[in-house]
Amino acid sequence: MLMRIGIRMALIGWVALNMAGCASLGNGAIKTLSEDGARQVLSAGKTTKAELLLAMGEASVQTFRNGYEVWVYNCKPGLPGFVGFLPVVGALASVIDASTGGRELAVLFDRDGVVKKYQLRVAESQVERLLAR
């Protein structure tokens, strides 16, 4: 009986860990994007929407009345929210969430659909912030 419970819990944990991923739009390129990588893909005054779409995939888009647009790519590796409510696995999910950082790439396009500027932010995990103190 105890062995069956242990096997079930291990199976639930395995499924939960395999569901972990990048909660992002696009093709997942943001997950490992560095400043150098961003400079290779993006160039202010040159890169177009079509070129960025081809390189990075779909983004969350905010359009402004003046014709400008901001495309945002987010990545926060983690587990689905429901996993936190599962016995034993929930505690593991909290540890995984605390040990992972996130990334965000925001790109501002002008009225002509050309990159005006961009910013890549890489957030440290909670664990990294605590260790830095």
Protein backbone atom coordinates (compact mmCIF):
# COMPACT_ATOMS: atom_id res chain seq x y z
CA MET A 1 0.00 0.00 0.00
CA LEU A 2 2.74 2.48 0.98
CA MET A 3 4.67 1.53 -2.13
CA ARG A 4 1.68 2.41 -4.33
CA ILE A 5 1.32 5.79 -2.65
CA GLY A 6 5.04 6.43 -3.14
CA ILE A 7 4.84 5.47 -6.80
CA ARG A 8 1.81 7.72 -7.31
CA MET A 9 3.53 10.67 -5.64
CA ALA A 10 6.66 10.11 -7.74
CA LEU A 11 4.51 9.98 -10.87
CA ILE A 12 2.70 13.20 -9.92
CA GLY A 13 6.05 14.89 -9.25
CA TRP A 14 7.46 13.72 -12.57
CA VAL A 15 4.40 15.02 -14.46
CA ALA A 16 4.57 18.36 -12.64
CA LEU A 17 8.26 18.81 -13.39
CA ASN A 18 7.74 17.96 -17.04
CA MET A 19 5.00 20.56 -17.23
CA ALA A 20 7.46 23.20 -16.09
CA GLY A 21 8.40 25.48 -18.89
CA CYS A 22 8.51 28.97 -20.14
CA ALA A 23 5.30 30.85 -19.63
CA SER A 24 5.89 32.99 -22.65
CA LEU A 25 4.60 33.93 -26.03
CA GLY A 26 6.69 33.15 -29.05
CA ASN A 27 9.03 30.34 -29.87
CA GLY A 28 10.84 30.22 -26.54
CA ALA A 29 13.89 32.08 -27.87
CA ILE A 30 13.56 34.52 -24.97
CA LYS A 31 14.37 31.72 -22.51
CA THR A 32 18.10 31.91 -23.29
CA LEU A 33 18.38 35.34 -24.94
CA SER A 34 21.41 37.34 -23.81
CA GLU A 35 22.33 40.99 -24.39
CA ASP A 36 24.64 39.90 -27.23
CA GLY A 37 21.89 37.77 -28.73
CA ALA A 38 19.46 40.68 -28.54
CA ARG A 39 21.96 42.92 -30.35
CA GLN A 40 22.26 40.31 -33.13
CA VAL A 41 18.47 40.16 -33.60
CA LEU A 42 17.58 43.81 -32.93
CA SER A 43 19.00 47.00 -34.31
CA ALA A 44 17.37 50.36 -33.57
CA GLY A 45 16.40 52.10 -36.79
CA LYS A 46 16.79 48.94 -38.90
CA THR A 47 14.94 45.85 -37.63
CA THR A 48 11.33 45.60 -38.78
CA LYS A 49 8.30 43.92 -37.22
CA ALA A 50 8.43 41.19 -39.86
CA GLU A 51 12.09 40.45 -39.09
CA LEU A 52 11.45 40.26 -35.34
CA LEU A 53 8.38 38.08 -35.86
CA LEU A 54 10.49 35.69 -37.92
CA ALA A 55 13.32 35.64 -35.35
CA MET A 56 11.32 35.53 -32.10
CA GLY A 57 7.75 34.55 -32.93
CA GLU A 58 4.53 36.07 -31.61
CA ALA A 59 4.62 38.59 -28.76
CA SER A 60 2.17 40.36 -26.51
CA VAL A 61 1.41 43.57 -28.43
CA GLN A 62 0.31 46.97 -27.12
CA THR A 63 -0.65 49.54 -29.77
CA PHE A 64 -0.77 53.25 -28.95
CA ARG A 65 -2.84 56.02 -30.56
CA ASN A 66 0.26 57.69 -31.96
CA GLY A 67 0.96 54.59 -34.09
CA TYR A 68 3.77 53.21 -31.94
CA GLU A 69 3.68 49.61 -30.71
CA VAL A 70 5.40 47.73 -27.92
CA TRP A 71 6.02 44.02 -28.31
CA VAL A 72 6.77 42.14 -25.10
CA TYR A 73 8.22 38.66 -24.74
CA ASN A 74 8.13 37.18 -21.22
CA CYS A 75 9.62 34.05 -19.79
CA LYS A 76 9.28 32.85 -16.23
CA PRO A 77 10.05 29.16 -16.00
CA GLY A 78 7.83 27.51 -13.47
CA LEU A 79 5.04 25.11 -12.78
CA PRO A 80 1.31 25.48 -13.39
CA GLY A 81 -0.49 27.10 -10.45
CA PHE A 82 -2.54 24.05 -9.51
CA VAL A 83 0.63 22.10 -8.68
CA GLY A 84 1.07 24.17 -5.51
CA PHE A 85 -2.06 22.58 -4.07
CA LEU A 86 -0.85 18.99 -4.47
CA PRO A 87 0.49 17.37 -1.30
CA VAL A 88 4.28 17.03 -1.23
CA VAL A 89 4.59 18.19 -4.85
CA GLY A 90 3.39 21.66 -3.79
CA ALA A 91 6.43 22.10 -1.56
CA LEU A 92 8.70 21.07 -4.43
CA ALA A 93 6.92 23.56 -6.70
CA SER A 94 7.67 26.37 -4.23
CA VAL A 95 11.38 25.50 -4.26
CA ILE A 96 11.45 25.41 -8.08
CA ASP A 97 9.65 28.76 -8.31
CA ALA A 98 12.06 30.40 -5.84
CA SER A 99 15.11 29.11 -7.70
CA THR A 100 14.18 30.35 -11.17
CA GLY A 101 14.51 33.86 -12.52
CA GLY A 102 12.69 35.42 -15.44
CA ARG A 103 13.33 37.36 -18.62
CA GLU A 104 11.46 40.07 -20.46
CA LEU A 105 12.21 41.63 -23.82
CA ALA A 106 10.29 44.82 -24.62
CA VAL A 107 10.61 46.29 -28.12
CA LEU A 108 9.25 49.70 -29.14
CA PHE A 109 8.33 50.13 -32.82
CA ASP A 110 7.77 53.49 -34.49
CA ARG A 111 4.86 54.28 -36.85
CA ASP A 112 6.76 52.73 -39.77
CA GLY A 113 7.16 49.39 -37.96
CA VAL A 114 10.89 49.78 -37.33
CA VAL A 115 12.56 49.22 -33.95
CA LYS A 116 13.02 52.51 -32.11
CA LYS A 117 14.52 50.94 -28.98
CA TYR A 118 14.42 47.76 -26.91
CA GLN A 119 15.23 46.51 -23.43
CA LEU A 120 16.08 43.03 -22.20
CA ARG A 121 15.58 42.51 -18.47
CA VAL A 122 16.88 39.42 -16.72
CA ALA A 123 15.50 39.01 -13.21
CA GLU A 124 17.41 37.04 -10.63
CA SER A 125 15.66 34.26 -8.79
CA GLN A 126 14.67 34.75 -5.14
CA VAL A 127 17.51 32.40 -4.18
CA GLU A 128 20.08 34.43 -6.14
CA ARG A 129 18.86 37.67 -4.52
CA LEU A 130 19.17 36.15 -1.03
CA LEU A 131 22.68 34.83 -1.73
CA ALA A 132 23.82 38.25 -3.00
CA ARG A 133 23.12 39.88 0.38
